[in-house]
Amino acid sequence: MASPDFSLSVADCPLIQIEGWEGTLGQFEKSVTASLGTKLPASVGETVRHKGLLVIRVAPRRLWLALDDSIEAPSLAVDPDLGCSFSLGEGRVRFRMAGAHIARVLSKCITIDWRAPAAAPRRAVLTSLHHVPLLFLRTGETACELIVPRSFSRSLSDWIADAAG
């Protein structure tokens, strides 16, 4: 779906979740930083982009690694004494949206204050639509992404298209 005022595209979302065990966060983060070759987001909602990889802190001890299209997953060996990692990609899709009317369209679907500092560009917010969890990523002044469960993607796509209509 595309118009000058709003566009929506849907694609697979290669996604890895890594989480540190309680009491090991310092060691865990040091290990992950070394493996990825980049600093990690410091607080929940912050993101760091590095070589086709977006590192998102979704909880105090949990990170999501969202890969750009055609980027291979990094070789990441998490010490089982410090935490764990696993793929979420099979169960998620990425909605990319842009346009002058994006804030109006989203206001009909999810509870995000487009003007709030927590929803500023390069920030992430966990929210929901009709009791289904999703991750909102603000990618620009008039652009964002939603990472949503694959099982809900068709109905969510229809819902957004109706809101944009």
N, C-alpha and C. Protein backbone atom coordinates (compact mmCIF):
# COMPACT_ATOMS: atom_id res chain seq x y z
N MET A 1 0.84 -1.17 0.00
CA MET A 1 0.00 0.00 0.00
C MET A 1 0.89 1.23 0.00
N ALA A 2 0.66 2.16 -0.95
CA ALA A 2 1.48 3.37 -1.00
C ALA A 2 0.68 4.53 -1.58
N SER A 3 0.87 5.69 -1.00
CA SER A 3 0.33 6.95 -1.49
C SER A 3 1.34 8.02 -1.10
N PRO A 4 1.19 9.23 -1.62
CA PRO A 4 2.14 10.28 -1.23
C PRO A 4 2.11 10.58 0.28
N ASP A 5 0.97 10.31 0.92
CA ASP A 5 0.82 10.64 2.33
C ASP A 5 1.09 9.48 3.28
N PHE A 6 1.08 8.25 2.76
CA PHE A 6 1.29 7.10 3.63
C PHE A 6 1.69 5.88 2.81
N SER A 7 2.70 5.15 3.28
CA SER A 7 3.09 3.90 2.63
C SER A 7 3.31 2.84 3.70
N LEU A 8 3.03 1.60 3.32
CA LEU A 8 3.19 0.46 4.22
C LEU A 8 3.79 -0.69 3.42
N SER A 9 4.85 -1.28 3.95
CA SER A 9 5.39 -2.51 3.37
C SER A 9 5.59 -3.51 4.50
N VAL A 10 5.48 -4.79 4.16
CA VAL A 10 5.60 -5.87 5.14
C VAL A 10 6.67 -6.84 4.65
N ALA A 11 7.59 -7.21 5.56
CA ALA A 11 8.68 -8.13 5.19
C ALA A 11 9.05 -9.00 6.39
N ASP A 12 9.74 -10.09 6.11
CA ASP A 12 10.28 -10.91 7.20
C ASP A 12 11.19 -10.05 8.06
N CYS A 13 11.36 -10.46 9.30
CA CYS A 13 12.18 -9.70 10.24
C CYS A 13 13.15 -10.63 10.96
N PRO A 14 14.35 -10.82 10.41
CA PRO A 14 15.34 -11.60 11.14
C PRO A 14 15.61 -10.93 12.49
N LEU A 15 15.39 -11.67 13.57
CA LEU A 15 15.43 -11.08 14.91
C LEU A 15 16.01 -12.09 15.89
N ILE A 16 16.95 -11.64 16.70
CA ILE A 16 17.57 -12.48 17.72
C ILE A 16 17.35 -11.83 19.08
N GLN A 17 16.92 -12.60 20.05
CA GLN A 17 16.80 -12.09 21.41
C GLN A 17 17.96 -12.62 22.24
N ILE A 18 18.60 -11.74 22.99
CA ILE A 18 19.63 -12.15 23.94
C ILE A 18 19.27 -11.58 25.29
N GLU A 19 19.52 -12.36 26.32
CA GLU A 19 19.15 -11.93 27.67
C GLU A 19 20.21 -12.38 28.66
N GLY A 20 20.54 -11.48 29.58
CA GLY A 20 21.50 -11.79 30.63
C GLY A 20 20.79 -12.21 31.89
N TRP A 21 21.40 -13.16 32.60
CA TRP A 21 20.82 -13.62 33.86
C TRP A 21 20.99 -12.54 34.93
N GLU A 22 20.07 -12.55 35.87
CA GLU A 22 20.15 -11.61 36.99
C GLU A 22 21.48 -11.82 37.72
N GLY A 23 22.14 -10.72 38.06
CA GLY A 23 23.41 -10.80 38.76
C GLY A 23 24.62 -10.91 37.87
N THR A 24 24.41 -11.07 36.55
CA THR A 24 25.55 -11.21 35.63
C THR A 24 25.56 -10.11 34.57
N LEU A 25 24.74 -9.10 34.73
CA LEU A 25 24.54 -8.12 33.65
C LEU A 25 25.84 -7.46 33.19
N GLY A 26 26.69 -7.06 34.11
CA GLY A 26 27.95 -6.41 33.72
C GLY A 26 28.80 -7.30 32.84
N GLN A 27 29.01 -8.53 33.26
CA GLN A 27 29.81 -9.49 32.48
C GLN A 27 29.13 -9.81 31.16
N PHE A 28 27.82 -10.02 31.21
CA PHE A 28 27.04 -10.33 30.01
C PHE A 28 27.20 -9.22 28.97
N GLU A 29 26.99 -7.96 29.39
CA GLU A 29 27.08 -6.84 28.46
C GLU A 29 28.49 -6.69 27.90
N LYS A 30 29.49 -6.90 28.71
CA LYS A 30 30.88 -6.82 28.24
C LYS A 30 31.14 -7.87 27.17
N SER A 31 30.64 -9.08 27.39
CA SER A 31 30.81 -10.17 26.43
C SER A 31 30.08 -9.88 25.12
N VAL A 32 28.83 -9.41 25.21
CA VAL A 32 28.04 -9.12 24.01
C VAL A 32 28.65 -7.95 23.24
N THR A 33 29.09 -6.93 23.95
CA THR A 33 29.74 -5.78 23.31
C THR A 33 30.95 -6.24 22.50
N ALA A 34 31.76 -7.11 23.08
CA ALA A 34 32.94 -7.63 22.38
C ALA A 34 32.53 -8.46 21.16
N SER A 35 31.50 -9.28 21.29
CA SER A 35 31.05 -10.12 20.17
C SER A 35 30.51 -9.30 19.01
N LEU A 36 29.74 -8.25 19.32
CA LEU A 36 29.11 -7.44 18.28
C LEU A 36 30.03 -6.35 17.74
N GLY A 37 31.02 -5.97 18.53
CA GLY A 37 31.92 -4.90 18.11
C GLY A 37 31.30 -3.52 18.19
N THR A 38 30.32 -3.35 19.06
CA THR A 38 29.68 -2.05 19.24
C THR A 38 29.16 -1.92 20.66
N LYS A 39 28.94 -0.69 21.08
CA LYS A 39 28.36 -0.47 22.40
C LYS A 39 26.90 -0.90 22.37
N LEU A 40 26.35 -1.15 23.54
CA LEU A 40 24.95 -1.55 23.66
C LEU A 40 24.11 -0.36 24.11
N PRO A 41 22.83 -0.36 23.79
CA PRO A 41 21.96 0.69 24.30
C PRO A 41 21.97 0.68 25.83
N ALA A 42 22.01 1.85 26.44
CA ALA A 42 22.15 1.94 27.89
C ALA A 42 20.84 1.73 28.64
N SER A 43 19.72 2.14 28.06
CA SER A 43 18.46 2.03 28.79
C SER A 43 17.35 1.50 27.89
N VAL A 44 16.28 1.04 28.51
CA VAL A 44 15.14 0.49 27.78
C VAL A 44 14.61 1.54 26.81
N GLY A 45 14.41 1.13 25.57
CA GLY A 45 13.91 2.03 24.53
C GLY A 45 15.00 2.60 23.64
N GLU A 46 16.24 2.55 24.10
CA GLU A 46 17.34 3.06 23.28
C GLU A 46 17.72 2.02 22.22
N THR A 47 18.26 2.52 21.11
CA THR A 47 18.72 1.65 20.03
C THR A 47 20.12 2.08 19.60
N VAL A 48 20.87 1.14 19.06
CA VAL A 48 22.19 1.40 18.50
C VAL A 48 22.26 0.68 17.16
N ARG A 49 22.62 1.40 16.10
CA ARG A 49 22.77 0.80 14.78
C ARG A 49 24.25 0.54 14.51
N HIS A 50 24.53 -0.67 13.97
CA HIS A 50 25.92 -1.05 13.67
C HIS A 50 25.94 -2.08 12.55
N LYS A 51 26.48 -1.70 11.40
CA LYS A 51 26.70 -2.62 10.27
C LYS A 51 25.47 -3.47 9.92
N GLY A 52 24.35 -2.82 9.65
CA GLY A 52 23.15 -3.54 9.25
C GLY A 52 22.41 -4.23 10.37
N LEU A 53 22.79 -3.92 11.59
CA LEU A 53 22.18 -4.53 12.77
C LEU A 53 21.65 -3.42 13.67
N LEU A 54 20.42 -3.56 14.12
CA LEU A 54 19.86 -2.61 15.08
C LEU A 54 19.75 -3.33 16.41
N VAL A 55 20.46 -2.82 17.41
CA VAL A 55 20.43 -3.39 18.76
C VAL A 55 19.41 -2.58 19.55
N ILE A 56 18.40 -3.25 20.10
CA ILE A 56 17.30 -2.59 20.81
C ILE A 56 17.25 -3.13 22.23
N ARG A 57 17.29 -2.24 23.21
CA ARG A 57 17.11 -2.69 24.59
C ARG A 57 15.60 -2.67 24.87
N VAL A 58 15.01 -3.86 24.99
CA VAL A 58 13.57 -3.98 25.20
C VAL A 58 13.20 -4.19 26.67
N ALA A 59 14.18 -4.53 27.48
CA ALA A 59 13.99 -4.71 28.93
C ALA A 59 15.37 -4.53 29.57
N PRO A 60 15.43 -4.34 30.88
CA PRO A 60 16.74 -4.08 31.50
C PRO A 60 17.81 -5.12 31.17
N ARG A 61 17.45 -6.39 31.07
CA ARG A 61 18.45 -7.44 30.78
C ARG A 61 18.25 -8.09 29.41
N ARG A 62 17.34 -7.54 28.59
CA ARG A 62 16.99 -8.18 27.31
C ARG A 62 17.25 -7.24 26.14
N LEU A 63 17.90 -7.78 25.11
CA LEU A 63 18.18 -7.05 23.88
C LEU A 63 17.59 -7.80 22.70
N TRP A 64 17.10 -7.06 21.72
CA TRP A 64 16.72 -7.64 20.44
C TRP A 64 17.70 -7.14 19.40
N LEU A 65 18.14 -8.04 18.54
CA LEU A 65 19.02 -7.71 17.43
C LEU A 65 18.21 -7.87 16.15
N ALA A 66 17.83 -6.75 15.54
CA ALA A 66 17.05 -6.77 14.31
C ALA A 66 18.00 -6.55 13.14
N LEU A 67 17.99 -7.49 12.21
CA LEU A 67 18.90 -7.43 11.07
C LEU A 67 18.22 -6.78 9.88
N ASP A 68 18.98 -5.95 9.15
CA ASP A 68 18.48 -5.37 7.92
C ASP A 68 18.32 -6.48 6.88
N ASP A 69 17.56 -6.19 5.84
CA ASP A 69 17.37 -7.16 4.76
C ASP A 69 18.72 -7.61 4.22
N SER A 70 18.86 -8.87 3.96
CA SER A 70 20.03 -9.54 3.37
C SER A 70 21.30 -9.46 4.22
N ILE A 71 21.18 -9.13 5.49
CA ILE A 71 22.33 -9.14 6.40
C ILE A 71 22.33 -10.48 7.14
N GLU A 72 23.50 -11.11 7.19
CA GLU A 72 23.62 -12.37 7.92
C GLU A 72 23.68 -12.12 9.42
N ALA A 73 23.10 -13.04 10.17
CA ALA A 73 23.13 -12.92 11.63
C ALA A 73 24.57 -12.98 12.12
N PRO A 74 24.89 -12.14 13.11
CA PRO A 74 26.25 -12.17 13.63
C PRO A 74 26.53 -13.48 14.36
N SER A 75 27.78 -13.88 14.36
CA SER A 75 28.18 -15.05 15.13
C SER A 75 28.23 -14.61 16.59
N LEU A 76 27.31 -15.10 17.36
CA LEU A 76 27.16 -14.64 18.74
C LEU A 76 27.09 -15.84 19.66
N ALA A 77 28.14 -16.03 20.43
CA ALA A 77 28.17 -17.14 21.39
C ALA A 77 28.01 -16.55 22.79
N VAL A 78 26.83 -16.73 23.36
CA VAL A 78 26.57 -16.22 24.71
C VAL A 78 26.93 -17.32 25.71
N ASP A 79 27.79 -16.98 26.65
CA ASP A 79 28.17 -17.90 27.71
C ASP A 79 26.91 -18.28 28.50
N PRO A 80 26.55 -19.57 28.58
CA PRO A 80 25.32 -19.97 29.27
C PRO A 80 25.32 -19.62 30.76
N ASP A 81 26.48 -19.33 31.33
CA ASP A 81 26.52 -18.87 32.72
C ASP A 81 26.13 -17.40 32.84
N LEU A 82 26.14 -16.69 31.70
CA LEU A 82 25.83 -15.25 31.71
C LEU A 82 24.46 -14.93 31.14
N GLY A 83 23.95 -15.78 30.24
CA GLY A 83 22.67 -15.50 29.60
C GLY A 83 22.37 -16.49 28.50
N CYS A 84 21.49 -16.08 27.59
CA CYS A 84 21.09 -16.97 26.49
C CYS A 84 20.74 -16.14 25.26
N SER A 85 20.66 -16.81 24.12
CA SER A 85 20.21 -16.16 22.89
C SER A 85 19.37 -17.16 22.10
N PHE A 86 18.40 -16.64 21.37
CA PHE A 86 17.61 -17.48 20.49
C PHE A 86 16.93 -16.62 19.44
N SER A 87 16.57 -17.25 18.33
CA SER A 87 15.96 -16.55 17.21
C SER A 87 14.47 -16.35 17.43
N LEU A 88 14.01 -15.14 17.15
CA LEU A 88 12.58 -14.84 17.16
C LEU A 88 12.06 -14.59 15.75
N GLY A 89 12.95 -14.63 14.77
CA GLY A 89 12.63 -14.23 13.41
C GLY A 89 11.51 -14.99 12.74
N GLU A 90 11.41 -16.28 13.00
CA GLU A 90 10.35 -17.07 12.35
C GLU A 90 8.96 -16.61 12.79
N GLY A 91 8.88 -16.03 13.96
CA GLY A 91 7.58 -15.64 14.50
C GLY A 91 7.25 -14.18 14.36
N ARG A 92 8.09 -13.38 13.69
CA ARG A 92 7.87 -11.94 13.60
C ARG A 92 7.98 -11.45 12.16
N VAL A 93 7.27 -10.37 11.87
CA VAL A 93 7.42 -9.65 10.61
C VAL A 93 7.60 -8.17 10.92
N ARG A 94 8.15 -7.45 9.94
CA ARG A 94 8.43 -6.02 10.10
C ARG A 94 7.52 -5.23 9.17
N PHE A 95 6.79 -4.29 9.75
CA PHE A 95 6.00 -3.34 8.97
C PHE A 95 6.81 -2.05 8.88
N ARG A 96 7.04 -1.58 7.67
CA ARG A 96 7.70 -0.28 7.48
C ARG A 96 6.64 0.70 6.98
N MET A 97 6.55 1.82 7.67
CA MET A 97 5.55 2.82 7.32
C MET A 97 6.20 4.19 7.23
N ALA A 98 5.69 5.01 6.32
CA ALA A 98 6.22 6.36 6.16
C ALA A 98 5.15 7.25 5.54
N GLY A 99 5.31 8.55 5.72
CA GLY A 99 4.43 9.51 5.08
C GLY A 99 3.96 10.59 6.03
N ALA A 100 3.47 11.65 5.44
CA ALA A 100 3.03 12.81 6.22
C ALA A 100 1.88 12.48 7.17
N HIS A 101 1.09 11.46 6.85
CA HIS A 101 -0.08 11.12 7.67
C HIS A 101 0.16 9.97 8.64
N ILE A 102 1.40 9.60 8.84
CA ILE A 102 1.69 8.42 9.65
C ILE A 102 1.19 8.55 11.09
N ALA A 103 1.36 9.71 11.70
CA ALA A 103 0.91 9.88 13.09
C ALA A 103 -0.60 9.72 13.19
N ARG A 104 -1.34 10.26 12.22
CA ARG A 104 -2.80 10.13 12.22
C ARG A 104 -3.22 8.67 12.05
N VAL A 105 -2.58 7.98 11.14
CA VAL A 105 -2.91 6.57 10.90
C VAL A 105 -2.63 5.74 12.15
N LEU A 106 -1.44 5.91 12.72
CA LEU A 106 -1.09 5.12 13.91
C LEU A 106 -1.98 5.43 15.10
N SER A 107 -2.45 6.67 15.21
CA SER A 107 -3.31 7.03 16.35
C SER A 107 -4.61 6.25 16.34
N LYS A 108 -4.98 5.70 15.20
CA LYS A 108 -6.20 4.88 15.10
C LYS A 108 -5.93 3.41 15.45
N CYS A 109 -4.65 3.06 15.61
CA CYS A 109 -4.30 1.65 15.80
C CYS A 109 -3.60 1.36 17.13
N ILE A 110 -2.63 2.18 17.50
CA ILE A 110 -1.84 1.91 18.70
C ILE A 110 -1.73 3.17 19.55
N THR A 111 -1.41 2.96 20.82
CA THR A 111 -1.28 4.09 21.74
C THR A 111 0.18 4.53 21.82
N ILE A 112 0.55 5.41 20.90
CA ILE A 112 1.88 6.01 20.88
C ILE A 112 1.70 7.51 20.73
N ASP A 113 2.31 8.28 21.63
CA ASP A 113 2.33 9.73 21.49
C ASP A 113 3.52 10.08 20.61
N TRP A 114 3.25 10.38 19.36
CA TRP A 114 4.28 10.65 18.35
C TRP A 114 5.23 11.77 18.79
N ARG A 115 4.74 12.70 19.63
CA ARG A 115 5.54 13.85 20.05
C ARG A 115 6.33 13.60 21.33
N ALA A 116 6.09 12.49 22.01
CA ALA A 116 6.76 12.21 23.29
C ALA A 116 8.24 11.87 23.07
N PRO A 117 9.11 12.27 24.00
CA PRO A 117 10.53 11.93 23.88
C PRO A 117 10.77 10.42 23.78
N ALA A 118 9.95 9.62 24.44
CA ALA A 118 10.12 8.16 24.40
C ALA A 118 9.87 7.60 23.00
N ALA A 119 9.15 8.35 22.15
CA ALA A 119 8.84 7.89 20.79
C ALA A 119 9.61 8.69 19.74
N ALA A 120 10.68 9.34 20.15
CA ALA A 120 11.50 10.14 19.22
C ALA A 120 12.23 9.22 18.23
N PRO A 121 12.71 9.79 17.12
CA PRO A 121 13.49 8.96 16.19
C PRO A 121 14.63 8.23 16.89
N ARG A 122 14.85 6.99 16.45
CA ARG A 122 15.86 6.07 17.00
C ARG A 122 15.49 5.55 18.38
N ARG A 123 14.21 5.58 18.71
CA ARG A 123 13.73 5.05 19.99
C ARG A 123 12.77 3.89 19.71
N ALA A 124 12.62 3.01 20.69
CA ALA A 124 11.73 1.85 20.58
C ALA A 124 10.78 1.84 21.77
N VAL A 125 9.55 1.43 21.53
CA VAL A 125 8.54 1.35 22.58
C VAL A 125 7.77 0.04 22.41
N LEU A 126 7.69 -0.75 23.47
CA LEU A 126 6.82 -1.93 23.45
C LEU A 126 5.41 -1.46 23.74
N THR A 127 4.48 -1.85 22.90
CA THR A 127 3.08 -1.47 23.07
C THR A 127 2.22 -2.64 22.57
N SER A 128 0.95 -2.39 22.37
CA SER A 128 0.09 -3.48 21.88
C SER A 128 -1.01 -2.92 21.00
N LEU A 129 -1.58 -3.79 20.22
CA LEU A 129 -2.75 -3.50 19.41
C LEU A 129 -3.73 -4.62 19.65
N HIS A 130 -4.86 -4.29 20.20
CA HIS A 130 -5.90 -5.27 20.48
C HIS A 130 -5.33 -6.48 21.24
N HIS A 131 -4.59 -6.19 22.31
CA HIS A 131 -4.00 -7.19 23.21
C HIS A 131 -2.87 -8.01 22.59
N VAL A 132 -2.36 -7.58 21.44
CA VAL A 132 -1.24 -8.27 20.80
C VAL A 132 0.01 -7.40 20.95
N PRO A 133 1.08 -7.94 21.55
CA PRO A 133 2.28 -7.13 21.75
C PRO A 133 3.01 -6.84 20.44
N LEU A 134 3.55 -5.63 20.35
CA LEU A 134 4.35 -5.26 19.20
C LEU A 134 5.41 -4.26 19.64
N LEU A 135 6.45 -4.14 18.83
CA LEU A 135 7.51 -3.19 19.10
C LEU A 135 7.43 -2.08 18.07
N PHE A 136 7.29 -0.84 18.55
CA PHE A 136 7.27 0.35 17.71
C PHE A 136 8.68 0.93 17.66
N LEU A 137 9.20 1.10 16.46
CA LEU A 137 10.53 1.71 16.25
C LEU A 137 10.35 2.98 15.44
N ARG A 138 10.66 4.10 16.02
CA ARG A 138 10.59 5.37 15.27
C ARG A 138 11.87 5.51 14.48
N THR A 139 11.78 5.55 13.16
CA THR A 139 12.97 5.58 12.31
C THR A 139 13.25 6.94 11.70
N GLY A 140 12.31 7.86 11.80
CA GLY A 140 12.50 9.19 11.23
C GLY A 140 11.37 10.11 11.63
N GLU A 141 11.40 11.33 11.12
CA GLU A 141 10.36 12.31 11.48
C GLU A 141 8.98 11.85 11.02
N THR A 142 8.91 11.18 9.88
CA THR A 142 7.62 10.70 9.37
C THR A 142 7.73 9.23 8.96
N ALA A 143 8.46 8.46 9.75
CA ALA A 143 8.65 7.04 9.42
C ALA A 143 8.81 6.21 10.69
N CYS A 144 8.34 4.96 10.60
CA CYS A 144 8.50 4.04 11.72
C CYS A 144 8.42 2.61 11.22
N GLU A 145 8.74 1.69 12.12
CA GLU A 145 8.58 0.26 11.87
C GLU A 145 7.82 -0.33 13.04
N LEU A 146 7.08 -1.38 12.77
CA LEU A 146 6.45 -2.18 13.82
C LEU A 146 6.95 -3.60 13.64
N ILE A 147 7.39 -4.21 14.72
CA ILE A 147 7.76 -5.63 14.69
C ILE A 147 6.63 -6.35 15.40
N VAL A 148 5.94 -7.21 14.64
CA VAL A 148 4.70 -7.81 15.12
C VAL A 148 4.74 -9.33 14.97
N PRO A 149 3.94 -10.04 15.78
CA PRO A 149 3.85 -11.50 15.61
C PRO A 149 3.34 -11.85 14.21
N ARG A 150 3.99 -12.82 13.58
CA ARG A 150 3.60 -13.24 12.24
C ARG A 150 2.13 -13.67 12.18
N SER A 151 1.66 -14.33 13.23
CA SER A 151 0.29 -14.84 13.24
C SER A 151 -0.75 -13.72 13.22
N PHE A 152 -0.35 -12.51 13.55
CA PHE A 152 -1.28 -11.39 13.60
C PHE A 152 -1.04 -10.40 12.46
N SER A 153 -0.04 -10.66 11.63
CA SER A 153 0.38 -9.66 10.65
C SER A 153 -0.68 -9.36 9.59
N ARG A 154 -1.40 -10.36 9.15
CA ARG A 154 -2.41 -10.13 8.11
C ARG A 154 -3.52 -9.21 8.61
N SER A 155 -4.07 -9.52 9.78
CA SER A 155 -5.15 -8.68 10.30
C SER A 155 -4.65 -7.29 10.67
N LEU A 156 -3.42 -7.19 11.17
CA LEU A 156 -2.86 -5.88 11.49
C LEU A 156 -2.65 -5.06 10.22
N SER A 157 -2.17 -5.70 9.17
CA SER A 157 -1.99 -5.01 7.89
C SER A 157 -3.32 -4.47 7.38
N ASP A 158 -4.36 -5.28 7.46
CA ASP A 158 -5.70 -4.84 7.05
C ASP A 158 -6.18 -3.68 7.90
N TRP A 159 -5.95 -3.77 9.21
CA TRP A 159 -6.38 -2.74 10.14
C TRP A 159 -5.69 -1.41 9.80
N ILE A 160 -4.39 -1.44 9.56
CA ILE A 160 -3.65 -0.23 9.22
C ILE A 160 -4.12 0.33 7.88
N ALA A 161 -4.35 -0.54 6.91
CA ALA A 161 -4.83 -0.09 5.60
C ALA A 161 -6.19 0.61 5.75
N ASP A 162 -7.07 0.06 6.57
CA ASP A 162 -8.37 0.70 6.81
C ASP A 162 -8.19 2.06 7.48
N ALA A 163 -7.28 2.14 8.45
CA ALA A 163 -7.03 3.40 9.15
C ALA A 163 -6.44 4.45 8.21
N ALA A 164 -5.66 4.00 7.24
CA ALA A 164 -5.03 4.93 6.29
C ALA A 164 -6.00 5.39 5.22
N GLY A 165 -7.05 4.59 4.99
CA GLY A 165 -8.01 4.88 3.93
C GLY A 165 -8.81 6.08 4.20
